Amino acid sequence: MIAASEDVGLADPGALGVAVAAARAVEMLGMPEARYALAEVTVYLATAPKSRSCADAIARASEDIVNGVALEVPDHLRDASYRGAERLGHGEGYHMPASEAEGRAQNYMPEHRCYYRPGDRGYEREVRERLKEWDGALTSAPTEDRT
């Protein structure tokens, strides 16, 4: 499961599910039957595309935390359920991505911060293309190395 999430990552998001299923099969079947599930997950993970983009994003975010970088919550994400919130602009302009025609995420990061930078392997290639398409509308989700 570590190899699936840390080394394969989003290059093949199904890898974690395969690894968890293999671990569950080991629990339920025991040896020697579980060796088939272990062999299958080993081949799957060994041949899957690899990406550490998520691990790198975690490292970049952690570095900001260690360095005391405090980012403000954007106004459209702030609680708007109390009296006076409207006057402060809280919740103004919020869009629920699942309800939008394009299903596109909003800008959730202030100061044009971008921790996750998708690679060009496997599924991440699709994520990269999606972010390139959205980049004009989402300046906080750049595809280049902007922080």
Protein backbone atom coordinates (compact mmCIF):
# COMPACT_ATOMS: atom_id res chain seq x y z
CA MET A 1 0.00 0.00 0.00
CA ILE A 2 2.94 2.31 0.65
CA ALA A 3 4.38 1.65 -2.81
CA ALA A 4 0.96 2.20 -4.39
CA SER A 5 0.36 5.54 -2.72
CA GLU A 6 3.90 6.91 -2.45
CA ASP A 7 5.65 5.61 -5.57
CA VAL A 8 2.87 4.99 -8.09
CA GLY A 9 0.64 7.76 -6.79
CA LEU A 10 -1.74 9.43 -9.18
CA ALA A 11 0.07 8.08 -12.22
CA ASP A 12 -2.27 5.13 -11.59
CA PRO A 13 -4.87 5.97 -8.92
CA GLY A 14 -6.24 2.41 -9.13
CA ALA A 15 -2.99 1.01 -7.73
CA LEU A 16 -3.95 1.78 -4.14
CA GLY A 17 -7.24 -0.08 -4.55
CA VAL A 18 -5.41 -3.09 -5.96
CA ALA A 19 -2.94 -3.04 -3.04
CA VAL A 20 -5.71 -2.73 -0.45
CA ALA A 21 -7.61 -5.56 -2.11
CA ALA A 22 -4.49 -7.73 -2.01
CA ALA A 23 -3.96 -6.95 1.68
CA ARG A 24 -7.57 -7.86 2.37
CA ALA A 25 -7.19 -11.09 0.40
CA VAL A 26 -4.17 -12.00 2.54
CA GLU A 27 -6.26 -11.40 5.69
CA MET A 28 -9.18 -13.44 4.42
CA LEU A 29 -7.38 -16.28 2.64
CA GLY A 30 -4.13 -16.74 4.46
CA MET A 31 -1.24 -18.63 2.97
CA PRO A 32 -0.63 -20.37 0.69
CA GLU A 33 -3.63 -19.13 -1.34
CA ALA A 34 -2.84 -15.48 -0.67
CA ARG A 35 0.38 -15.78 -2.63
CA TYR A 36 -1.60 -15.32 -5.85
CA ALA A 37 -2.97 -11.98 -4.71
CA LEU A 38 0.50 -10.96 -3.54
CA ALA A 39 2.05 -11.96 -6.86
CA GLU A 40 -0.62 -10.05 -8.79
CA VAL A 41 -0.23 -6.86 -6.79
CA THR A 42 3.55 -7.12 -7.06
CA VAL A 43 3.42 -7.31 -10.86
CA TYR A 44 0.78 -4.57 -10.98
CA LEU A 45 2.83 -2.15 -8.89
CA ALA A 46 6.12 -3.04 -10.56
CA THR A 47 4.73 -2.31 -14.02
CA ALA A 48 2.55 0.70 -13.14
CA PRO A 49 3.72 4.18 -14.11
CA LYS A 50 5.34 5.96 -11.18
CA SER A 51 4.84 9.48 -9.87
CA ARG A 52 5.85 11.25 -6.67
CA SER A 53 3.93 14.43 -7.51
CA CYS A 54 1.66 14.06 -4.46
CA ALA A 55 4.62 13.36 -2.18
CA ASP A 56 6.37 16.42 -3.60
CA ALA A 57 3.23 18.53 -3.03
CA ILE A 58 3.10 17.39 0.59
CA ALA A 59 6.77 18.34 0.98
CA ARG A 60 6.17 21.83 -0.49
CA ALA A 61 3.16 22.42 1.76
CA SER A 62 5.06 21.13 4.79
CA GLU A 63 7.93 23.48 3.98
CA ASP A 64 5.54 26.43 4.00
CA ILE A 65 4.21 25.30 7.38
CA VAL A 66 7.72 24.94 8.83
CA ASN A 67 8.62 28.38 7.47
CA GLY A 68 5.54 29.93 9.05
CA VAL A 69 3.79 30.78 5.80
CA ALA A 70 0.19 31.50 6.78
CA LEU A 71 -2.28 31.75 3.93
CA GLU A 72 -5.61 33.50 4.26
CA VAL A 73 -8.78 31.56 3.49
CA PRO A 74 -10.29 33.12 0.34
CA ASP A 75 -13.46 35.12 1.04
CA HIS A 76 -15.66 32.86 -1.08
CA LEU A 77 -14.73 29.90 1.17
CA ARG A 78 -15.35 31.70 4.46
CA ASP A 79 -18.42 30.95 6.53
CA ALA A 80 -21.36 33.04 5.36
CA SER A 81 -24.00 31.71 7.76
CA TYR A 82 -23.81 34.44 10.41
CA ARG A 83 -25.07 38.00 10.55
CA GLY A 84 -22.50 40.38 9.13
CA ALA A 85 -20.80 37.81 6.89
CA GLU A 86 -22.29 39.34 3.76
CA ARG A 87 -20.90 42.75 4.71
CA LEU A 88 -17.44 41.15 4.97
CA GLY A 89 -17.81 39.44 1.58
CA HIS A 90 -17.71 35.97 3.12
CA GLY A 91 -19.16 33.31 0.84
CA GLU A 92 -19.51 35.80 -2.01
CA GLY A 93 -18.87 34.21 -5.38
CA TYR A 94 -18.77 30.63 -4.12
CA HIS A 95 -19.68 28.02 -6.73
CA MET A 96 -20.26 24.36 -6.00
CA PRO A 97 -18.25 22.52 -8.67
CA ALA A 98 -20.64 19.56 -8.82
CA SER A 99 -23.50 21.94 -9.62
CA GLU A 100 -21.65 23.86 -12.32
CA ALA A 101 -22.16 22.95 -15.96
CA GLU A 102 -18.43 22.27 -16.47
CA GLY A 103 -17.90 20.74 -13.02
CA ARG A 104 -14.79 22.86 -12.69
CA ALA A 105 -13.13 23.61 -9.35
CA GLN A 106 -12.83 27.17 -8.12
CA ASN A 107 -9.75 28.98 -6.96
CA TYR A 108 -9.20 27.59 -3.47
CA MET A 109 -5.65 28.76 -2.87
CA PRO A 110 -4.71 32.35 -2.07
CA GLU A 111 -1.58 34.07 -3.35
CA HIS A 112 -1.36 31.84 -6.41
CA ARG A 113 0.10 28.98 -4.36
CA CYS A 114 0.33 25.66 -6.15
CA TYR A 115 1.61 22.65 -4.27
CA TYR A 116 0.49 19.84 -6.55
CA ARG A 117 2.11 19.80 -9.97
CA PRO A 118 1.01 16.80 -12.02
CA GLY A 119 3.58 14.88 -13.98
CA ASP A 120 3.17 13.50 -17.47
CA ARG A 121 2.83 9.80 -16.65
CA GLY A 122 -0.35 7.77 -16.67
CA TYR A 123 -3.45 9.44 -15.23
CA GLU A 124 -1.48 12.52 -14.21
CA ARG A 125 -1.17 13.39 -17.89
CA GLU A 126 -4.97 13.76 -17.95
CA VAL A 127 -4.90 15.88 -14.78
CA ARG A 128 -2.17 18.08 -16.30
CA GLU A 129 -4.24 18.63 -19.45
CA ARG A 130 -7.34 19.44 -17.40
CA LEU A 131 -5.40 22.01 -15.37
CA LYS A 132 -3.96 23.55 -18.54
CA GLU A 133 -7.52 23.91 -19.84
CA TRP A 134 -8.64 25.47 -16.56
CA ASP A 135 -5.54 27.64 -16.05
CA GLY A 136 -7.12 30.72 -17.58
CA ALA A 137 -9.99 30.54 -15.10
CA LEU A 138 -8.03 29.18 -12.14
CA THR A 139 -4.89 31.17 -11.64
CA SER A 140 -4.14 29.20 -8.47
CA ALA A 141 -4.01 25.89 -10.33
CA PRO A 142 -1.13 26.56 -12.70
CA THR A 143 0.52 23.78 -14.61
CA GLU A 144 3.94 25.43 -14.44
CA ASP A 145 6.26 25.81 -11.47
CA ARG A 146 4.64 28.93 -9.99
CA THR A 147 4.48 29.48 -6.23
